PDB file of all heavy atoms in Angstrom:
ATOM      1  N   LEU A   1     -31.305   0.674   7.718  1.00  0.00           N
ATOM      2  CA  LEU A   1     -30.627  -0.346   6.922  1.00  0.00           C
ATOM      3  C   LEU A   1     -29.285   0.201   6.452  1.00  0.00           C
ATOM      4  O   LEU A   1     -28.273  -0.540   6.459  1.00  0.00           O
ATOM      5  CB  LEU A   1     -31.517  -0.783   5.735  1.00  0.00           C
ATOM      6  CG  LEU A   1     -30.915  -1.818   4.800  1.00  0.00           C
ATOM      7  CD1 LEU A   1     -30.645  -3.104   5.538  1.00  0.00           C
ATOM      8  CD2 LEU A   1     -31.841  -2.040   3.605  1.00  0.00           C
ATOM      9  N   CYS A   2     -29.248   1.465   6.026  1.00  0.00           N
ATOM     10  CA  CYS A   2     -27.987   2.070   5.604  1.00  0.00           C
ATOM     11  C   CYS A   2     -27.002   2.051   6.762  1.00  0.00           C
ATOM     12  O   CYS A   2     -25.803   1.711   6.567  1.00  0.00           O
ATOM     13  CB  CYS A   2     -28.200   3.500   5.168  1.00  0.00           C
ATOM     14  SG  CYS A   2     -29.044   3.677   3.575  1.00  0.00           S
ATOM     15  N   ASP A   3     -27.419   2.312   7.983  1.00  0.00           N
ATOM     16  CA  ASP A   3     -26.532   2.380   9.119  1.00  0.00           C
ATOM     17  C   ASP A   3     -26.008   0.986   9.391  1.00  0.00           C
ATOM     18  O   ASP A   3     -24.751   0.799   9.633  1.00  0.00           O
ATOM     19  CB  ASP A   3     -27.292   2.888  10.337  1.00  0.00           C
ATOM     20  CG  ASP A   3     -27.580   4.387  10.295  1.00  0.00           C
ATOM     21  OD1 ASP A   3     -26.885   5.058   9.547  1.00  0.00           O
ATOM     22  OD2 ASP A   3     -28.503   4.844  10.964  1.00  0.00           O
ATOM     23  N   ARG A   4     -26.840  -0.071   9.422  1.00  0.00           N
ATOM     24  CA  ARG A   4     -26.426  -1.431   9.703  1.00  0.00           C
ATOM     25  C   ARG A   4     -25.406  -1.913   8.634  1.00  0.00           C
ATOM     26  O   ARG A   4     -24.365  -2.466   9.002  1.00  0.00           O
ATOM     27  CB  ARG A   4     -27.612  -2.375   9.722  1.00  0.00           C
ATOM     28  CG  ARG A   4     -28.511  -2.218  10.959  1.00  0.00           C
ATOM     29  CD  ARG A   4     -29.345  -3.457  11.131  1.00  0.00           C
ATOM     30  NE  ARG A   4     -30.215  -3.786   9.966  1.00  0.00           N
ATOM     31  CZ  ARG A   4     -31.398  -3.226   9.735  1.00  0.00           C
ATOM     32  NH1 ARG A   4     -31.858  -2.315  10.603  1.00  0.00           N
ATOM     33  NH2 ARG A   4     -32.066  -3.546   8.665  1.00  0.00           N
ATOM     34  N   MET A   5     -25.734  -1.669   7.396  1.00  0.00           N
ATOM     35  CA  MET A   5     -24.815  -2.121   6.340  1.00  0.00           C
ATOM     36  C   MET A   5     -23.502  -1.326   6.334  1.00  0.00           C
ATOM     37  O   MET A   5     -22.432  -1.869   6.081  1.00  0.00           O
ATOM     38  CB  MET A   5     -25.518  -2.018   4.980  1.00  0.00           C
ATOM     39  CG  MET A   5     -26.589  -3.072   4.796  1.00  0.00           C
ATOM     40  SD  MET A   5     -27.251  -3.058   3.096  1.00  0.00           S
ATOM     41  CE  MET A   5     -28.093  -4.652   3.100  1.00  0.00           C
ATOM     42  N   GLY A   6     -23.620  -0.028   6.679  1.00  0.00           N
ATOM     43  CA  GLY A   6     -22.360   0.768   6.720  1.00  0.00           C
ATOM     44  C   GLY A   6     -21.434   0.300   7.820  1.00  0.00           C
ATOM     45  O   GLY A   6     -20.209   0.222   7.597  1.00  0.00           O
ATOM     46  N   MET A   7     -21.968  -0.068   8.966  1.00  0.00           N
ATOM     47  CA  MET A   7     -21.099  -0.596  10.040  1.00  0.00           C
ATOM     48  C   MET A   7     -20.511  -1.929   9.642  1.00  0.00           C
ATOM     49  O   MET A   7     -19.351  -2.263   9.995  1.00  0.00           O
ATOM     50  CB  MET A   7     -21.924  -0.686  11.335  1.00  0.00           C
ATOM     51  CG  MET A   7     -22.147   0.674  11.995  1.00  0.00           C
ATOM     52  SD  MET A   7     -22.948   0.603  13.601  1.00  0.00           S
ATOM     53  CE  MET A   7     -24.619   0.289  13.177  1.00  0.00           C
ATOM     54  N   ALA A   8     -21.263  -2.730   8.931  1.00  0.00           N
ATOM     55  CA  ALA A   8     -20.755  -4.057   8.518  1.00  0.00           C
ATOM     56  C   ALA A   8     -19.645  -3.843   7.438  1.00  0.00           C
ATOM     57  O   ALA A   8     -18.627  -4.573   7.501  1.00  0.00           O
ATOM     58  CB  ALA A   8     -21.894  -4.859   7.831  1.00  0.00           C
ATOM     59  N   SER A   9     -19.753  -2.818   6.623  1.00  0.00           N
ATOM     60  CA  SER A   9     -18.674  -2.500   5.659  1.00  0.00           C
ATOM     61  C   SER A   9     -17.374  -2.163   6.421  1.00  0.00           C
ATOM     62  O   SER A   9     -16.273  -2.630   6.021  1.00  0.00           O
ATOM     63  CB  SER A   9     -19.060  -1.352   4.752  1.00  0.00           C
ATOM     64  OG  SER A   9     -20.011  -1.716   3.773  1.00  0.00           O
ATOM     65  N   ARG A  10     -17.482  -1.386   7.464  1.00  0.00           N
ATOM     66  CA  ARG A  10     -16.333  -0.964   8.220  1.00  0.00           C
ATOM     67  C   ARG A  10     -15.643  -2.208   8.877  1.00  0.00           C
ATOM     68  O   ARG A  10     -14.409  -2.321   8.876  1.00  0.00           O
ATOM     69  CB  ARG A  10     -16.704   0.023   9.322  1.00  0.00           C
ATOM     70  CG  ARG A  10     -15.566   0.396  10.266  1.00  0.00           C
ATOM     71  CD  ARG A  10     -14.434   1.122   9.560  1.00  0.00           C
ATOM     72  NE  ARG A  10     -13.286   1.338  10.491  1.00  0.00           N
ATOM     73  CZ  ARG A  10     -12.269   2.082  10.192  1.00  0.00           C
ATOM     74  NH1 ARG A  10     -12.150   2.729   9.056  1.00  0.00           N
ATOM     75  NH2 ARG A  10     -11.254   2.183  11.055  1.00  0.00           N
ATOM     76  N   LYS A  11     -16.426  -3.109   9.391  1.00  0.00           N
ATOM     77  CA  LYS A  11     -15.856  -4.341   9.987  1.00  0.00           C
ATOM     78  C   LYS A  11     -15.112  -5.169   8.967  1.00  0.00           C
ATOM     79  O   LYS A  11     -14.027  -5.700   9.258  1.00  0.00           O
ATOM     80  CB  LYS A  11     -16.948  -5.152  10.690  1.00  0.00           C
ATOM     81  CG  LYS A  11     -17.467  -4.485  11.924  1.00  0.00           C
ATOM     82  CD  LYS A  11     -18.628  -5.291  12.568  1.00  0.00           C
ATOM     83  CE  LYS A  11     -19.184  -4.590  13.809  1.00  0.00           C
ATOM     84  NZ  LYS A  11     -20.331  -5.338  14.358  1.00  0.00           N
ATOM     85  N   ILE A  12     -15.639  -5.204   7.761  1.00  0.00           N
ATOM     86  CA  ILE A  12     -14.973  -5.948   6.687  1.00  0.00           C
ATOM     87  C   ILE A  12     -13.625  -5.306   6.369  1.00  0.00           C
ATOM     88  O   ILE A  12     -12.589  -5.939   6.127  1.00  0.00           O
ATOM     89  CB  ILE A  12     -15.888  -6.094   5.451  1.00  0.00           C
ATOM     90  CG1 ILE A  12     -17.011  -6.981   5.714  1.00  0.00           C
ATOM     91  CG2 ILE A  12     -15.064  -6.596   4.237  1.00  0.00           C
ATOM     92  CD1 ILE A  12     -18.104  -7.035   4.617  1.00  0.00           C
ATOM     93  N   ALA A  13     -13.620  -3.933   6.325  1.00  0.00           N
ATOM     94  CA  ALA A  13     -12.393  -3.209   6.019  1.00  0.00           C
ATOM     95  C   ALA A  13     -11.376  -3.455   7.064  1.00  0.00           C
ATOM     96  O   ALA A  13     -10.171  -3.607   6.736  1.00  0.00           O
ATOM     97  CB  ALA A  13     -12.720  -1.701   5.926  1.00  0.00           C
ATOM     98  N   GLU A  14     -11.748  -3.465   8.328  1.00  0.00           N
ATOM     99  CA  GLU A  14     -10.804  -3.661   9.416  1.00  0.00           C
ATOM    100  C   GLU A  14     -10.174  -5.068   9.341  1.00  0.00           C
ATOM    101  O   GLU A  14      -8.997  -5.275   9.660  1.00  0.00           O
ATOM    102  CB  GLU A  14     -11.486  -3.460  10.734  1.00  0.00           C
ATOM    103  CG  GLU A  14     -11.886  -2.024  11.023  1.00  0.00           C
ATOM    104  CD  GLU A  14     -12.693  -1.870  12.247  1.00  0.00           C
ATOM    105  OE1 GLU A  14     -13.200  -2.900  12.841  1.00  0.00           O
ATOM    106  OE2 GLU A  14     -12.888  -0.732  12.722  1.00  0.00           O
ATOM    107  N   LYS A  15     -10.969  -6.045   8.911  1.00  0.00           N
ATOM    108  CA  LYS A  15     -10.496  -7.421   8.860  1.00  0.00           C
ATOM    109  C   LYS A  15      -9.646  -7.718   7.644  1.00  0.00           C
ATOM    110  O   LYS A  15      -8.724  -8.497   7.738  1.00  0.00           O
ATOM    111  CB  LYS A  15     -11.691  -8.326   8.873  1.00  0.00           C
ATOM    112  CG  LYS A  15     -11.325  -9.835   8.851  1.00  0.00           C
ATOM    113  CD  LYS A  15     -12.598 -10.670   8.852  1.00  0.00           C
ATOM    114  CE  LYS A  15     -12.311 -12.194   8.774  1.00  0.00           C
ATOM    115  NZ  LYS A  15     -13.551 -13.007   8.787  1.00  0.00           N
ATOM    116  N   THR A  16      -9.914  -7.045   6.519  1.00  0.00           N
ATOM    117  CA  THR A  16      -9.326  -7.490   5.237  1.00  0.00           C
ATOM    118  C   THR A  16      -8.474  -6.435   4.520  1.00  0.00           C
ATOM    119  O   THR A  16      -7.484  -6.814   3.865  1.00  0.00           O
ATOM    120  CB  THR A  16     -10.436  -7.910   4.234  1.00  0.00           C
ATOM    121  OG1 THR A  16     -11.341  -8.799   4.933  1.00  0.00           O
ATOM    122  CG2 THR A  16      -9.898  -8.546   2.980  1.00  0.00           C
ATOM    123  N   TYR A  17      -8.781  -5.122   4.699  1.00  0.00           N
ATOM    124  CA  TYR A  17      -8.154  -4.165   3.832  1.00  0.00           C
ATOM    125  C   TYR A  17      -7.086  -3.322   4.531  1.00  0.00           C
ATOM    126  O   TYR A  17      -6.498  -2.426   3.889  1.00  0.00           O
ATOM    127  CB  TYR A  17      -9.198  -3.139   3.323  1.00  0.00           C
ATOM    128  CG  TYR A  17     -10.417  -3.797   2.671  1.00  0.00           C
ATOM    129  CD1 TYR A  17     -11.664  -3.225   2.754  1.00  0.00           C
ATOM    130  CD2 TYR A  17     -10.280  -4.978   1.905  1.00  0.00           C
ATOM    131  CE1 TYR A  17     -12.750  -3.790   2.166  1.00  0.00           C
ATOM    132  CE2 TYR A  17     -11.383  -5.518   1.272  1.00  0.00           C
ATOM    133  CZ  TYR A  17     -12.622  -4.938   1.425  1.00  0.00           C
ATOM    134  OH  TYR A  17     -13.723  -5.486   0.827  1.00  0.00           O
ATOM    135  N   ASP A  18      -6.741  -3.595   5.752  1.00  0.00           N
ATOM    136  CA  ASP A  18      -5.749  -2.833   6.544  1.00  0.00           C
ATOM    137  C   ASP A  18      -4.403  -2.743   5.768  1.00  0.00           C
ATOM    138  O   ASP A  18      -3.840  -3.786   5.386  1.00  0.00           O
ATOM    139  CB  ASP A  18      -5.559  -3.437   7.902  1.00  0.00           C
ATOM    140  CG  ASP A  18      -4.655  -2.633   8.819  1.00  0.00           C
ATOM    141  OD1 ASP A  18      -4.096  -1.657   8.352  1.00  0.00           O
ATOM    142  OD2 ASP A  18      -4.559  -2.976   9.998  1.00  0.00           O
ATOM    143  N   ILE A  19      -3.873  -1.538   5.550  1.00  0.00           N
ATOM    144  CA  ILE A  19      -2.643  -1.369   4.757  1.00  0.00           C
ATOM    145  C   ILE A  19      -1.491  -2.112   5.416  1.00  0.00           C
ATOM    146  O   ILE A  19      -0.598  -2.607   4.707  1.00  0.00           O
ATOM    147  CB  ILE A  19      -2.327   0.130   4.599  1.00  0.00           C
ATOM    148  CG1 ILE A  19      -1.175   0.321   3.601  1.00  0.00           C
ATOM    149  CG2 ILE A  19      -2.031   0.770   5.913  1.00  0.00           C
ATOM    150  CD1 ILE A  19      -1.472  -0.017   2.229  1.00  0.00           C
ATOM    151  N   ASN A  20      -1.506  -2.226   6.739  1.00  0.00           N
ATOM    152  CA  ASN A  20      -0.373  -2.919   7.426  1.00  0.00           C
ATOM    153  C   ASN A  20      -0.338  -4.395   7.028  1.00  0.00           C
ATOM    154  O   ASN A  20       0.712  -4.973   6.788  1.00  0.00           O
ATOM    155  CB  ASN A  20      -0.501  -2.787   8.927  1.00  0.00           C
ATOM    156  CG  ASN A  20      -0.392  -1.287   9.323  1.00  0.00           C
ATOM    157  OD1 ASN A  20       0.610  -0.632   9.032  1.00  0.00           O
ATOM    158  ND2 ASN A  20      -1.424  -0.798  10.058  1.00  0.00           N
ATOM    159  N   PHE A  21      -1.538  -5.001   6.948  1.00  0.00           N
ATOM    160  CA  PHE A  21      -1.648  -6.389   6.525  1.00  0.00           C
ATOM    161  C   PHE A  21      -1.178  -6.554   5.063  1.00  0.00           C
ATOM    162  O   PHE A  21      -0.416  -7.448   4.723  1.00  0.00           O
ATOM    163  CB  PHE A  21      -3.086  -6.906   6.702  1.00  0.00           C
ATOM    164  CG  PHE A  21      -3.360  -8.210   6.101  1.00  0.00           C
ATOM    165  CD1 PHE A  21      -2.948  -9.411   6.729  1.00  0.00           C
ATOM    166  CD2 PHE A  21      -4.051  -8.322   4.907  1.00  0.00           C
ATOM    167  CE1 PHE A  21      -3.197 -10.616   6.141  1.00  0.00           C
ATOM    168  CE2 PHE A  21      -4.287  -9.573   4.300  1.00  0.00           C
ATOM    169  CZ  PHE A  21      -3.900 -10.709   4.961  1.00  0.00           C
ATOM    170  N   VAL A  22      -1.656  -5.722   4.221  1.00  0.00           N
ATOM    171  CA  VAL A  22      -1.411  -5.816   2.740  1.00  0.00           C
ATOM    172  C   VAL A  22       0.099  -5.575   2.488  1.00  0.00           C
ATOM    173  O   VAL A  22       0.661  -6.430   1.757  1.00  0.00           O
ATOM    174  CB  VAL A  22      -2.265  -4.791   1.990  1.00  0.00           C
ATOM    175  CG1 VAL A  22      -1.826  -4.697   0.530  1.00  0.00           C
ATOM    176  CG2 VAL A  22      -3.740  -5.155   2.050  1.00  0.00           C
ATOM    177  N   VAL A  23       0.696  -4.582   3.029  1.00  0.00           N
ATOM    178  CA  VAL A  23       2.103  -4.325   2.850  1.00  0.00           C
ATOM    179  C   VAL A  23       2.977  -5.504   3.413  1.00  0.00           C
ATOM    180  O   VAL A  23       3.926  -5.948   2.791  1.00  0.00           O
ATOM    181  CB  VAL A  23       2.549  -2.995   3.471  1.00  0.00           C
ATOM    182  CG1 VAL A  23       4.064  -2.854   3.404  1.00  0.00           C
ATOM    183  CG2 VAL A  23       1.875  -1.821   2.682  1.00  0.00           C
ATOM    184  N   GLY A  24       2.571  -5.991   4.558  1.00  0.00           N
ATOM    185  CA  GLY A  24       3.280  -7.098   5.169  1.00  0.00           C
ATOM    186  C   GLY A  24       3.336  -8.304   4.323  1.00  0.00           C
ATOM    187  O   GLY A  24       4.355  -8.971   4.167  1.00  0.00           O
ATOM    188  N   LYS A  25       2.197  -8.614   3.652  1.00  0.00           N
ATOM    189  CA  LYS A  25       2.167  -9.749   2.718  1.00  0.00           C
ATOM    190  C   LYS A  25       3.113  -9.545   1.537  1.00  0.00           C
ATOM    191  O   LYS A  25       3.806 -10.498   1.103  1.00  0.00           O
ATOM    192  CB  LYS A  25       0.721  -9.939   2.207  1.00  0.00           C
ATOM    193  CG  LYS A  25      -0.263 -10.419   3.201  1.00  0.00           C
ATOM    194  CD  LYS A  25      -0.161 -11.907   3.459  1.00  0.00           C
ATOM    195  CE  LYS A  25      -0.666 -12.681   2.309  1.00  0.00           C
ATOM    196  NZ  LYS A  25      -0.701 -14.194   2.569  1.00  0.00           N
ATOM    197  N   HIS A  26       3.163  -8.308   1.008  1.00  0.00           N
ATOM    198  CA  HIS A  26       4.131  -8.028  -0.081  1.00  0.00           C
ATOM    199  C   HIS A  26       5.559  -8.241   0.318  1.00  0.00           C
ATOM    200  O   HIS A  26       6.372  -8.881  -0.384  1.00  0.00           O
ATOM    201  CB  HIS A  26       3.925  -6.603  -0.611  1.00  0.00           C
ATOM    202  CG  HIS A  26       2.733  -6.455  -1.514  1.00  0.00           C
ATOM    203  ND1 HIS A  26       1.445  -6.240  -1.045  1.00  0.00           N
ATOM    204  CD2 HIS A  26       2.641  -6.369  -2.896  1.00  0.00           C
ATOM    205  CE1 HIS A  26       0.624  -6.142  -2.081  1.00  0.00           C
ATOM    206  NE2 HIS A  26       1.348  -6.196  -3.208  1.00  0.00           N
ATOM    207  N   LEU A  27       5.936  -7.756   1.493  1.00  0.00           N
ATOM    208  CA  LEU A  27       7.313  -7.832   1.963  1.00  0.00           C
ATOM    209  C   LEU A  27       7.706  -9.331   2.241  1.00  0.00           C
ATOM    210  O   LEU A  27       8.814  -9.694   1.962  1.00  0.00           O
ATOM    211  CB  LEU A  27       7.516  -6.990   3.201  1.00  0.00           C
ATOM    212  CG  LEU A  27       7.306  -5.482   3.037  1.00  0.00           C
ATOM    213  CD1 LEU A  27       7.700  -4.719   4.294  1.00  0.00           C
ATOM    214  CD2 LEU A  27       8.069  -4.960   1.852  1.00  0.00           C
ATOM    215  N   GLN A  28       6.734 -10.093   2.717  1.00  0.00           N
ATOM    216  CA  GLN A  28       7.006 -11.521   2.867  1.00  0.00           C
ATOM    217  C   GLN A  28       7.353 -12.245   1.557  1.00  0.00           C
ATOM    218  O   GLN A  28       8.225 -13.074   1.431  1.00  0.00           O
ATOM    219  CB  GLN A  28       5.753 -12.200   3.526  1.00  0.00           C
ATOM    220  CG  GLN A  28       5.592 -11.896   5.001  1.00  0.00           C
ATOM    221  CD  GLN A  28       4.282 -12.434   5.537  1.00  0.00           C
ATOM    222  OE1 GLN A  28       3.612 -13.345   4.891  1.00  0.00           O
ATOM    223  NE2 GLN A  28       3.816 -11.936   6.680  1.00  0.00           N
ATOM    224  N   ILE A  29       6.612 -11.823   0.505  1.00  0.00           N
ATOM    225  CA  ILE A  29       6.862 -12.397  -0.815  1.00  0.00           C
ATOM    226  C   ILE A  29       8.243 -11.997  -1.337  1.00  0.00           C
ATOM    227  O   ILE A  29       8.986 -12.842  -1.811  1.00  0.00           O
ATOM    228  CB  ILE A  29       5.751 -11.978  -1.784  1.00  0.00           C
ATOM    229  CG1 ILE A  29       4.377 -12.606  -1.385  1.00  0.00           C
ATOM    230  CG2 ILE A  29       6.089 -12.414  -3.252  1.00  0.00           C
ATOM    231  CD1 ILE A  29       3.198 -11.986  -2.089  1.00  0.00           C
ATOM    232  N   TYR A  30       8.595 -10.693  -1.196  1.00  0.00           N
ATOM    233  CA  TYR A  30       9.906 -10.293  -1.608  1.00  0.00           C
ATOM    234  C   TYR A  30      11.008 -11.052  -0.896  1.00  0.00           C
ATOM    235  O   TYR A  30      11.984 -11.532  -1.481  1.00  0.00           O
ATOM    236  CB  TYR A  30      10.130  -8.785  -1.309  1.00  0.00           C
ATOM    237  CG  TYR A  30       9.215  -7.836  -2.037  1.00  0.00           C
ATOM    238  CD1 TYR A  30       9.059  -6.509  -1.598  1.00  0.00           C
ATOM    239  CD2 TYR A  30       8.478  -8.228  -3.210  1.00  0.00           C
ATOM    240  CE1 TYR A  30       8.274  -5.613  -2.333  1.00  0.00           C
ATOM    241  CE2 TYR A  30       7.683  -7.350  -3.865  1.00  0.00           C
ATOM    242  CZ  TYR A  30       7.572  -5.991  -3.411  1.00  0.00           C
ATOM    243  OH  TYR A  30       6.748  -5.109  -4.111  1.00  0.00           O
ATOM    244  N   ASP A  31      10.889 -11.189   0.457  1.00  0.00           N
ATOM    245  CA  ASP A  31      11.863 -11.884   1.252  1.00  0.00           C
ATOM    246  C   ASP A  31      11.986 -13.339   0.842  1.00  0.00           C
ATOM    247  O   ASP A  31      13.069 -13.905   0.770  1.00  0.00           O
ATOM    248  CB  ASP A  31      11.510 -11.792   2.763  1.00  0.00           C
ATOM    249  CG  ASP A  31      11.713 -10.397   3.330  1.00  0.00           C
ATOM    250  OD1 ASP A  31      12.432  -9.615   2.703  1.00  0.00           O
ATOM    251  OD2 ASP A  31      11.091 -10.062   4.319  1.00  0.00           O
ATOM    252  N   ARG A  32      10.861 -13.946   0.575  1.00  0.00           N
ATOM    253  CA  ARG A  32      10.869 -15.367   0.197  1.00  0.00           C
ATOM    254  C   ARG A  32      11.581 -15.572  -1.157  1.00  0.00           C
ATOM    255  O   ARG A  32      12.376 -16.477  -1.294  1.00  0.00           O
ATOM    256  CB  ARG A  32       9.439 -15.867   0.090  1.00  0.00           C
ATOM    257  CG  ARG A  32       9.325 -17.325  -0.277  1.00  0.00           C
ATOM    258  CD  ARG A  32       7.895 -17.743  -0.241  1.00  0.00           C
ATOM    259  NE  ARG A  32       7.706 -19.101  -0.811  1.00  0.00           N
ATOM    260  CZ  ARG A  32       6.508 -19.682  -0.946  1.00  0.00           C
ATOM    261  NH1 ARG A  32       5.384 -19.038  -0.530  1.00  0.00           N
ATOM    262  NH2 ARG A  32       6.420 -20.863  -1.487  1.00  0.00           N
ATOM    263  N   LEU A  33      11.282 -14.676  -2.157  1.00  0.00           N
ATOM    264  CA  LEU A  33      11.961 -14.836  -3.422  1.00  0.00           C
ATOM    265  C   LEU A  33      13.477 -14.573  -3.277  1.00  0.00           C
ATOM    266  O   LEU A  33      14.225 -15.256  -3.932  1.00  0.00           O
ATOM    267  CB  LEU A  33      11.371 -13.756  -4.403  1.00  0.00           C
ATOM    268  CG  LEU A  33       9.977 -14.048  -4.961  1.00  0.00           C
ATOM    269  CD1 LEU A  33       9.388 -12.859  -5.664  1.00  0.00           C
ATOM    270  CD2 LEU A  33      10.070 -15.206  -5.903  1.00  0.00           C
ATOM    271  N   TYR A  34      13.859 -13.619  -2.442  1.00  0.00           N
ATOM    272  CA  TYR A  34      15.260 -13.379  -2.240  1.00  0.00           C
ATOM    273  C   TYR A  34      15.935 -14.586  -1.631  1.00  0.00           C
ATOM    274  O   TYR A  34      17.070 -14.991  -2.043  1.00  0.00           O
ATOM    275  CB  TYR A  34      15.483 -12.141  -1.406  1.00  0.00           C
ATOM    276  CG  TYR A  34      16.893 -11.690  -1.261  1.00  0.00           C
ATOM    277  CD1 TYR A  34      17.560 -11.027  -2.320  1.00  0.00           C
ATOM    278  CD2 TYR A  34      17.651 -11.947  -0.105  1.00  0.00           C
ATOM    279  CE1 TYR A  34      18.852 -10.616  -2.225  1.00  0.00           C
ATOM    280  CE2 TYR A  34      18.985 -11.611  -0.009  1.00  0.00           C
ATOM    281  CZ  TYR A  34      19.573 -10.916  -1.062  1.00  0.00           C
ATOM    282  OH  TYR A  34      20.914 -10.561  -0.988  1.00  0.00           O
ATOM    283  N   ARG A  35      15.356 -15.163  -0.578  1.00  0.00           N
ATOM    284  CA  ARG A  35      15.970 -16.370   0.027  1.00  0.00           C
ATOM    285  C   ARG A  35      16.029 -17.534  -0.990  1.00  0.00           C
ATOM    286  O   ARG A  35      17.091 -18.205  -0.997  1.00  0.00           O
ATOM    287  CB  ARG A  35      15.115 -16.784   1.244  1.00  0.00           C
ATOM    288  CG  ARG A  35      15.215 -15.845   2.432  1.00  0.00           C
ATOM    289  CD  ARG A  35      14.673 -16.550   3.705  1.00  0.00           C
ATOM    290  NE  ARG A  35      13.364 -17.028   3.535  1.00  0.00           N
ATOM    291  CZ  ARG A  35      12.231 -16.349   3.761  1.00  0.00           C
ATOM    292  NH1 ARG A  35      12.342 -15.107   4.189  1.00  0.00           N
ATOM    293  NH2 ARG A  35      11.017 -16.865   3.569  1.00  0.00           N
ATOM    294  N   ASN A  36      14.954 -17.701  -1.730  1.00  0.00           N
ATOM    295  CA  ASN A  36      14.957 -18.801  -2.691  1.00  0.00           C
ATOM    296  C   ASN A  36      16.052 -18.667  -3.739  1.00  0.00           C
ATOM    297  O   ASN A  36      16.691 -19.629  -4.128  1.00  0.00           O
ATOM    298  CB  ASN A  36      13.634 -18.899  -3.387  1.00  0.00           C
ATOM    299  CG  ASN A  36      12.526 -19.445  -2.463  1.00  0.00           C
ATOM    300  OD1 ASN A  36      12.764 -19.896  -1.353  1.00  0.00           O
ATOM    301  ND2 ASN A  36      11.283 -19.322  -2.913  1.00  0.00           N
ATOM    302  N   SER A  37      16.286 -17.376  -4.158  1.00  0.00           N
ATOM    303  CA  SER A  37      17.370 -17.128  -5.175  1.00  0.00           C
ATOM    304  C   SER A  37      18.728 -17.479  -4.662  1.00  0.00           C
ATOM    305  O   SER A  37      19.633 -17.894  -5.371  1.00  0.00           O
ATOM    306  CB  SER A  37      17.289 -15.731  -5.664  1.00  0.00           C
ATOM    307  OG  SER A  37      17.741 -14.783  -4.633  1.00  0.00           O
ATOM    308  N   LYS A  38      18.952 -17.274  -3.362  1.00  0.00           N
ATOM    309  CA  LYS A  38      20.266 -17.558  -2.757  1.00  0.00           C
ATOM    310  C   LYS A  38      20.457 -19.020  -2.582  1.00  0.00           C
ATOM    311  O   LYS A  38      21.595 -19.539  -2.563  1.00  0.00           O
ATOM    312  CB  LYS A  38      20.407 -16.836  -1.450  1.00  0.00           C
ATOM    313  CG  LYS A  38      20.331 -15.288  -1.577  1.00  0.00           C
ATOM    314  CD  LYS A  38      20.746 -14.587  -0.278  1.00  0.00           C
ATOM    315  CE  LYS A  38      22.235 -14.632  -0.064  1.00  0.00           C
ATOM    316  NZ  LYS A  38      22.674 -13.851   1.095  1.00  0.00           N
ATOM    317  N   GLU A  39      19.375 -19.760  -2.365  1.00  0.00           N
ATOM    318  CA  GLU A  39      19.467 -21.212  -2.125  1.00  0.00           C
ATOM    319  C   GLU A  39      19.630 -22.009  -3.376  1.00  0.00           C
ATOM    320  O   GLU A  39      20.158 -23.060  -3.393  1.00  0.00           O
ATOM    321  CB  GLU A  39      18.238 -21.679  -1.360  1.00  0.00           C
ATOM    322  CG  GLU A  39      18.128 -21.119   0.098  1.00  0.00           C
ATOM    323  CD  GLU A  39      16.752 -21.406   0.748  1.00  0.00           C
ATOM    324  OE1 GLU A  39      15.956 -21.997   0.049  1.00  0.00           O
ATOM    325  OE2 GLU A  39      16.598 -20.937   1.862  1.00  0.00           O
ATOM    326  N   SER A  40      19.085 -21.438  -4.512  1.00  0.00           N
ATOM    327  CA  SER A  40      19.089 -22.172  -5.738  1.00  0.00           C
ATOM    328  C   SER A  40      20.436 -22.014  -6.466  1.00  0.00           C
ATOM    329  O   SER A  40      21.236 -21.173  -6.185  1.00  0.00           O
ATOM    330  CB  SER A  40      17.974 -21.701  -6.675  1.00  0.00           C
ATOM    331  OG  SER A  40      18.093 -20.309  -6.917  1.00  0.00           O
TER     332      SER A  40
END
């Protein structure tokens, strides 16, 4: 049971916690705020 649940944890990490995904979302927010400030 430990093995099955451990492998499931890893799959969740790969889908949701990847640093490349998380950083990319932050940079998108920065870019959007910067564009909005120039348009307003």
